[in-house]
N, C-alpha and C. Protein backbone atom coordinates (compact mmCIF):
# COMPACT_ATOMS: atom_id res chain seq x y z
N MET A 1 0.82 -1.19 0.00
CA MET A 1 0.00 0.00 0.00
C MET A 1 0.87 1.26 0.00
N LYS A 2 1.92 1.27 0.85
CA LYS A 2 2.80 2.42 0.92
C LYS A 2 3.53 2.62 -0.41
N ILE A 3 3.92 1.52 -1.03
CA ILE A 3 4.63 1.60 -2.31
C ILE A 3 3.72 2.17 -3.39
N GLN A 4 2.46 1.73 -3.42
CA GLN A 4 1.50 2.26 -4.40
C GLN A 4 1.28 3.75 -4.18
N PHE A 5 1.12 4.15 -2.93
CA PHE A 5 0.91 5.56 -2.62
C PHE A 5 2.13 6.38 -3.05
N PHE A 6 3.32 5.88 -2.73
CA PHE A 6 4.55 6.57 -3.10
C PHE A 6 4.66 6.69 -4.63
N GLY A 7 4.34 5.61 -5.33
CA GLY A 7 4.38 5.61 -6.79
C GLY A 7 3.40 6.61 -7.37
N LEU A 8 2.20 6.66 -6.81
CA LEU A 8 1.19 7.61 -7.27
C LEU A 8 1.64 9.05 -7.00
N ALA A 9 2.17 9.29 -5.82
CA ALA A 9 2.65 10.63 -5.47
C ALA A 9 3.79 11.05 -6.39
N LEU A 10 4.69 10.14 -6.68
CA LEU A 10 5.81 10.43 -7.57
C LEU A 10 5.33 10.73 -8.99
N ALA A 11 4.38 9.94 -9.47
CA ALA A 11 3.82 10.17 -10.81
C ALA A 11 3.14 11.53 -10.88
N MET A 12 2.40 11.89 -9.85
CA MET A 12 1.72 13.19 -9.84
C MET A 12 2.73 14.32 -9.82
N ALA A 13 3.80 14.16 -9.07
CA ALA A 13 4.83 15.20 -8.99
C ALA A 13 5.45 15.44 -10.37
N PHE A 14 5.77 14.35 -11.08
CA PHE A 14 6.35 14.50 -12.42
C PHE A 14 5.35 15.12 -13.39
N THR A 15 4.10 14.72 -13.31
CA THR A 15 3.07 15.25 -14.19
C THR A 15 2.88 16.74 -13.95
N LEU A 16 2.75 17.14 -12.71
CA LEU A 16 2.53 18.55 -12.39
C LEU A 16 3.74 19.41 -12.71
N SER A 17 4.93 18.87 -12.56
CA SER A 17 6.12 19.65 -12.87
C SER A 17 6.25 19.90 -14.36
N ALA A 18 5.61 19.08 -15.17
CA ALA A 18 5.66 19.26 -16.62
C ALA A 18 4.60 20.23 -17.12
N CYS A 19 3.67 20.62 -16.27
CA CYS A 19 2.60 21.54 -16.67
C CYS A 19 3.19 22.91 -16.97
N LYS A 20 2.64 23.55 -17.98
CA LYS A 20 3.09 24.88 -18.35
C LYS A 20 1.89 25.68 -18.79
N THR A 21 1.79 26.90 -18.32
CA THR A 21 0.70 27.76 -18.78
C THR A 21 1.08 28.32 -20.14
N SER A 22 0.12 28.87 -20.85
CA SER A 22 0.40 29.39 -22.18
C SER A 22 1.15 30.72 -22.13
N HIS A 23 1.12 31.41 -21.00
CA HIS A 23 1.77 32.70 -20.90
C HIS A 23 2.73 32.67 -19.72
N THR A 24 4.04 32.57 -19.98
CA THR A 24 4.99 32.34 -18.90
C THR A 24 5.89 33.52 -18.57
N ALA A 25 6.15 34.39 -19.51
CA ALA A 25 7.05 35.50 -19.22
C ALA A 25 6.38 36.43 -18.20
N PHE A 26 7.17 36.97 -17.29
CA PHE A 26 6.58 37.77 -16.23
C PHE A 26 7.37 39.05 -16.02
N THR A 27 6.68 40.16 -16.06
CA THR A 27 7.22 41.44 -15.67
C THR A 27 6.20 42.04 -14.73
N PRO A 28 6.61 42.44 -13.53
CA PRO A 28 5.63 43.02 -12.61
C PRO A 28 4.86 44.16 -13.25
N LYS A 29 3.56 44.25 -12.97
CA LYS A 29 2.70 45.26 -13.60
C LYS A 29 3.22 46.68 -13.40
N ALA A 30 3.64 47.03 -12.20
CA ALA A 30 4.13 48.39 -11.95
C ALA A 30 5.35 48.67 -12.82
N ASN A 31 6.22 47.69 -12.97
CA ASN A 31 7.41 47.84 -13.77
C ASN A 31 7.06 48.01 -15.25
N ILE A 32 6.14 47.22 -15.76
CA ILE A 32 5.79 47.33 -17.17
C ILE A 32 5.16 48.68 -17.47
N LYS A 33 4.41 49.24 -16.53
CA LYS A 33 3.83 50.57 -16.73
C LYS A 33 4.93 51.61 -16.88
N GLU A 34 5.93 51.53 -16.03
CA GLU A 34 7.06 52.46 -16.12
C GLU A 34 7.80 52.30 -17.44
N VAL A 35 8.02 51.07 -17.83
CA VAL A 35 8.77 50.80 -19.06
C VAL A 35 8.00 51.28 -20.28
N VAL A 36 6.71 50.96 -20.36
CA VAL A 36 5.89 51.37 -21.51
C VAL A 36 5.91 52.89 -21.66
N ASN A 37 5.89 53.60 -20.55
CA ASN A 37 5.82 55.06 -20.59
C ASN A 37 7.17 55.76 -20.61
N SER A 38 8.26 55.01 -20.60
CA SER A 38 9.56 55.66 -20.64
C SER A 38 9.85 56.17 -22.05
N SER A 39 10.63 57.23 -22.12
CA SER A 39 10.89 57.87 -23.41
C SER A 39 11.84 57.07 -24.29
N ASP A 40 12.59 56.16 -23.70
CA ASP A 40 13.58 55.42 -24.48
C ASP A 40 13.17 53.99 -24.82
N VAL A 41 11.88 53.72 -24.79
CA VAL A 41 11.39 52.36 -25.06
C VAL A 41 11.05 52.19 -26.54
N THR A 42 11.23 50.99 -27.04
CA THR A 42 10.78 50.62 -28.38
C THR A 42 9.66 49.61 -28.21
N LEU A 43 8.47 49.96 -28.66
CA LEU A 43 7.31 49.07 -28.58
C LEU A 43 7.24 48.24 -29.85
N VAL A 44 7.24 46.92 -29.70
CA VAL A 44 7.25 46.03 -30.86
C VAL A 44 6.02 45.12 -30.83
N ASP A 45 5.18 45.30 -31.83
CA ASP A 45 4.00 44.47 -32.04
C ASP A 45 4.45 43.31 -32.93
N VAL A 46 4.40 42.08 -32.40
CA VAL A 46 4.92 40.92 -33.14
C VAL A 46 3.84 40.18 -33.94
N ARG A 47 2.68 40.79 -34.08
CA ARG A 47 1.61 40.16 -34.87
C ARG A 47 1.87 40.37 -36.36
N ILE A 48 1.07 39.71 -37.19
CA ILE A 48 1.20 39.87 -38.64
C ILE A 48 0.73 41.27 -39.04
N PRO A 49 1.21 41.79 -40.18
CA PRO A 49 0.89 43.15 -40.59
C PRO A 49 -0.61 43.47 -40.65
N GLU A 50 -1.43 42.51 -41.05
CA GLU A 50 -2.88 42.77 -41.12
C GLU A 50 -3.46 43.05 -39.74
N GLN A 51 -3.01 42.31 -38.74
CA GLN A 51 -3.49 42.54 -37.38
C GLN A 51 -2.97 43.87 -36.84
N TYR A 52 -1.72 44.16 -37.13
CA TYR A 52 -1.11 45.43 -36.72
C TYR A 52 -1.89 46.60 -37.31
N ALA A 53 -2.23 46.50 -38.59
CA ALA A 53 -2.96 47.58 -39.27
C ALA A 53 -4.36 47.79 -38.69
N ALA A 54 -4.94 46.75 -38.12
CA ALA A 54 -6.29 46.86 -37.56
C ALA A 54 -6.30 47.58 -36.22
N GLY A 55 -5.15 47.72 -35.57
CA GLY A 55 -5.07 48.42 -34.30
C GLY A 55 -3.86 47.99 -33.51
N THR A 56 -3.19 48.96 -32.89
CA THR A 56 -2.01 48.67 -32.08
C THR A 56 -1.80 49.79 -31.08
N ALA A 57 -0.75 49.71 -30.31
CA ALA A 57 -0.41 50.74 -29.34
C ALA A 57 0.25 51.92 -30.05
N LYS A 58 0.17 53.08 -29.42
CA LYS A 58 0.76 54.30 -29.97
C LYS A 58 2.28 54.13 -30.08
N ASN A 59 2.82 54.54 -31.22
CA ASN A 59 4.26 54.52 -31.51
C ASN A 59 4.87 53.12 -31.62
N ALA A 60 4.04 52.11 -31.79
CA ALA A 60 4.55 50.74 -31.93
C ALA A 60 5.03 50.49 -33.35
N VAL A 61 6.08 49.69 -33.46
CA VAL A 61 6.55 49.23 -34.76
C VAL A 61 6.12 47.79 -34.93
N ASN A 62 5.95 47.38 -36.16
CA ASN A 62 5.53 46.01 -36.44
C ASN A 62 6.71 45.19 -36.93
N ILE A 63 7.09 44.22 -36.12
CA ILE A 63 8.08 43.22 -36.53
C ILE A 63 7.43 41.88 -36.23
N PRO A 64 6.83 41.25 -37.26
CA PRO A 64 6.17 39.96 -37.03
C PRO A 64 7.13 38.95 -36.41
N LEU A 65 6.59 38.09 -35.59
CA LEU A 65 7.40 37.09 -34.90
C LEU A 65 8.30 36.32 -35.86
N ALA A 66 7.78 35.97 -37.03
CA ALA A 66 8.56 35.21 -38.02
C ALA A 66 9.77 35.99 -38.52
N GLU A 67 9.77 37.32 -38.39
CA GLU A 67 10.87 38.16 -38.86
C GLU A 67 11.74 38.70 -37.73
N LEU A 68 11.42 38.35 -36.50
CA LEU A 68 12.11 38.92 -35.35
C LEU A 68 13.60 38.58 -35.33
N GLN A 69 13.93 37.34 -35.56
CA GLN A 69 15.34 36.92 -35.52
C GLN A 69 16.18 37.71 -36.51
N SER A 70 15.65 37.97 -37.70
CA SER A 70 16.41 38.70 -38.71
C SER A 70 16.49 40.20 -38.41
N ASN A 71 15.75 40.68 -37.42
CA ASN A 71 15.78 42.09 -37.03
C ASN A 71 16.45 42.33 -35.67
N ILE A 72 17.10 41.32 -35.13
CA ILE A 72 17.71 41.41 -33.80
C ILE A 72 18.69 42.57 -33.71
N GLU A 73 19.51 42.75 -34.70
CA GLU A 73 20.55 43.80 -34.63
C GLU A 73 19.94 45.19 -34.48
N THR A 74 18.77 45.42 -35.04
CA THR A 74 18.13 46.74 -34.92
C THR A 74 17.58 46.97 -33.52
N LEU A 75 17.43 45.90 -32.74
CA LEU A 75 16.86 46.02 -31.39
C LEU A 75 17.91 45.97 -30.28
N LYS A 76 19.10 45.52 -30.61
CA LYS A 76 20.16 45.43 -29.59
C LYS A 76 20.49 46.82 -29.07
N GLY A 77 20.68 46.89 -27.75
CA GLY A 77 21.00 48.17 -27.11
C GLY A 77 19.77 49.01 -26.80
N LYS A 78 18.59 48.49 -27.11
CA LYS A 78 17.35 49.22 -26.85
C LYS A 78 16.54 48.50 -25.78
N LYS A 79 15.70 49.25 -25.11
CA LYS A 79 14.73 48.70 -24.17
C LYS A 79 13.48 48.39 -24.99
N VAL A 80 13.10 47.12 -25.07
CA VAL A 80 12.03 46.68 -25.98
C VAL A 80 10.87 46.07 -25.20
N VAL A 81 9.66 46.52 -25.51
CA VAL A 81 8.44 45.90 -24.98
C VAL A 81 7.77 45.19 -26.15
N VAL A 82 7.56 43.89 -26.01
CA VAL A 82 6.90 43.11 -27.06
C VAL A 82 5.48 42.76 -26.63
N PHE A 83 4.61 42.67 -27.62
CA PHE A 83 3.22 42.31 -27.35
C PHE A 83 2.58 41.77 -28.62
N CYS A 84 1.43 41.13 -28.45
CA CYS A 84 0.69 40.55 -29.57
C CYS A 84 -0.80 40.65 -29.25
N ASN A 85 -1.57 39.60 -29.52
CA ASN A 85 -3.00 39.61 -29.20
C ASN A 85 -3.27 39.18 -27.77
N LYS A 86 -2.70 38.03 -27.38
CA LYS A 86 -2.99 37.47 -26.06
C LYS A 86 -1.75 37.15 -25.24
N GLY A 87 -0.58 37.34 -25.79
CA GLY A 87 0.64 37.10 -25.04
C GLY A 87 1.43 35.88 -25.44
N VAL A 88 0.86 34.99 -26.23
CA VAL A 88 1.56 33.76 -26.60
C VAL A 88 2.75 34.07 -27.51
N GLN A 89 2.53 34.84 -28.56
CA GLN A 89 3.63 35.21 -29.45
C GLN A 89 4.62 36.13 -28.73
N ALA A 90 4.12 36.95 -27.82
CA ALA A 90 5.01 37.82 -27.04
C ALA A 90 5.97 36.97 -26.21
N ASP A 91 5.48 35.88 -25.64
CA ASP A 91 6.35 34.96 -24.89
C ASP A 91 7.46 34.42 -25.78
N GLN A 92 7.10 34.01 -26.99
CA GLN A 92 8.08 33.47 -27.92
C GLN A 92 9.09 34.55 -28.30
N ALA A 93 8.60 35.76 -28.51
CA ALA A 93 9.48 36.88 -28.84
C ALA A 93 10.43 37.18 -27.69
N MET A 94 9.92 37.11 -26.46
CA MET A 94 10.77 37.34 -25.28
C MET A 94 11.93 36.35 -25.26
N GLU A 95 11.65 35.10 -25.53
CA GLU A 95 12.71 34.08 -25.54
C GLU A 95 13.77 34.40 -26.58
N ILE A 96 13.34 34.77 -27.77
CA ILE A 96 14.27 35.09 -28.86
C ILE A 96 15.12 36.30 -28.47
N LEU A 97 14.48 37.35 -27.98
CA LEU A 97 15.20 38.58 -27.65
C LEU A 97 16.18 38.37 -26.50
N LYS A 98 15.73 37.73 -25.44
CA LYS A 98 16.61 37.51 -24.29
C LYS A 98 17.79 36.61 -24.65
N LYS A 99 17.53 35.60 -25.49
CA LYS A 99 18.60 34.70 -25.93
C LYS A 99 19.67 35.47 -26.70
N ASN A 100 19.26 36.56 -27.34
CA ASN A 100 20.18 37.37 -28.13
C ASN A 100 20.66 38.62 -27.41
N GLY A 101 20.43 38.69 -26.10
CA GLY A 101 20.95 39.79 -25.30
C GLY A 101 20.20 41.10 -25.38
N VAL A 102 18.96 41.07 -25.82
CA VAL A 102 18.15 42.29 -25.90
C VAL A 102 17.40 42.48 -24.59
N GLU A 103 17.37 43.71 -24.09
CA GLU A 103 16.62 44.04 -22.88
C GLU A 103 15.13 44.06 -23.25
N ALA A 104 14.44 42.98 -22.93
CA ALA A 104 13.06 42.81 -23.37
C ALA A 104 12.09 42.75 -22.20
N TYR A 105 10.91 43.31 -22.42
CA TYR A 105 9.84 43.30 -21.43
C TYR A 105 8.57 42.80 -22.09
N ASP A 106 7.76 42.11 -21.34
CA ASP A 106 6.53 41.51 -21.86
C ASP A 106 5.34 42.42 -21.62
N GLY A 107 4.82 43.00 -22.69
CA GLY A 107 3.63 43.84 -22.59
C GLY A 107 2.35 43.03 -22.73
N THR A 108 2.47 41.77 -22.99
CA THR A 108 1.38 40.80 -23.18
C THR A 108 0.60 41.09 -24.45
N SER A 109 -0.41 41.95 -24.38
CA SER A 109 -1.25 42.22 -25.55
C SER A 109 -1.20 43.69 -25.94
N TRP A 110 -1.55 43.98 -27.18
CA TRP A 110 -1.54 45.36 -27.63
C TRP A 110 -2.59 46.17 -26.87
N LYS A 111 -3.68 45.52 -26.49
CA LYS A 111 -4.71 46.23 -25.72
C LYS A 111 -4.20 46.58 -24.33
N ASN A 112 -3.38 45.74 -23.75
CA ASN A 112 -2.78 46.03 -22.44
C ASN A 112 -1.85 47.23 -22.54
N VAL A 113 -0.98 47.23 -23.54
CA VAL A 113 -0.03 48.33 -23.72
C VAL A 113 -0.78 49.63 -24.01
N LYS A 114 -1.79 49.55 -24.86
CA LYS A 114 -2.59 50.74 -25.18
C LYS A 114 -3.31 51.26 -23.94
N ALA A 115 -3.84 50.37 -23.12
CA ALA A 115 -4.52 50.77 -21.88
C ALA A 115 -3.55 51.48 -20.93
N ILE A 116 -2.32 51.00 -20.85
CA ILE A 116 -1.31 51.66 -20.02
C ILE A 116 -1.04 53.06 -20.54
N GLN A 117 -0.91 53.18 -21.86
CA GLN A 117 -0.69 54.50 -22.46
C GLN A 117 -1.88 55.42 -22.20
N ASP A 118 -3.09 54.92 -22.39
CA ASP A 118 -4.29 55.72 -22.18
C ASP A 118 -4.42 56.17 -20.73
N GLU A 119 -4.10 55.28 -19.79
CA GLU A 119 -4.16 55.61 -18.36
C GLU A 119 -3.19 56.74 -18.03
N THR A 120 -2.00 56.67 -18.60
CA THR A 120 -1.00 57.71 -18.36
C THR A 120 -1.45 59.03 -18.96
N ASN A 121 -2.04 58.99 -20.16
CA ASN A 121 -2.51 60.22 -20.80
C ASN A 121 -3.62 60.88 -19.99
N LYS A 122 -4.49 60.09 -19.36
CA LYS A 122 -5.56 60.64 -18.53
C LYS A 122 -4.99 61.35 -17.31
N LYS A 123 -3.94 60.78 -16.72
CA LYS A 123 -3.31 61.38 -15.54
C LYS A 123 -2.62 62.69 -15.89
N VAL A 124 -2.04 62.76 -17.10
CA VAL A 124 -1.32 63.94 -17.53
C VAL A 124 -2.29 65.07 -17.86
N ASN A 125 -3.42 64.72 -18.46
CA ASN A 125 -4.39 65.75 -18.89
C ASN A 125 -5.29 66.16 -17.81
């Protein structure tokens, strides 16, 4: 009985340790607000051009995820906030950027980054 319980507990531990949520990159909310609103930030929308054209954050540039690796040199030395629709592509972009030494922050979605910008504009006005 003890062996079965131990085996079950061990199997559950391995199973749970393999679990991964779809959105893993983490930047504290207060920090991302400061970064998004800093004057030296580069906002990068990693969605496809059609999605970017339909709406994005103010002053964002469009570098689709599929083209990010070939644009790494243009982002090196910059503070970069990446975002997409729901954060999944932003997570992938974060991995690529950090692997290549780029100071990257996860803005999650374009609506999140835009909301941060709008909130700041309301406080200023």
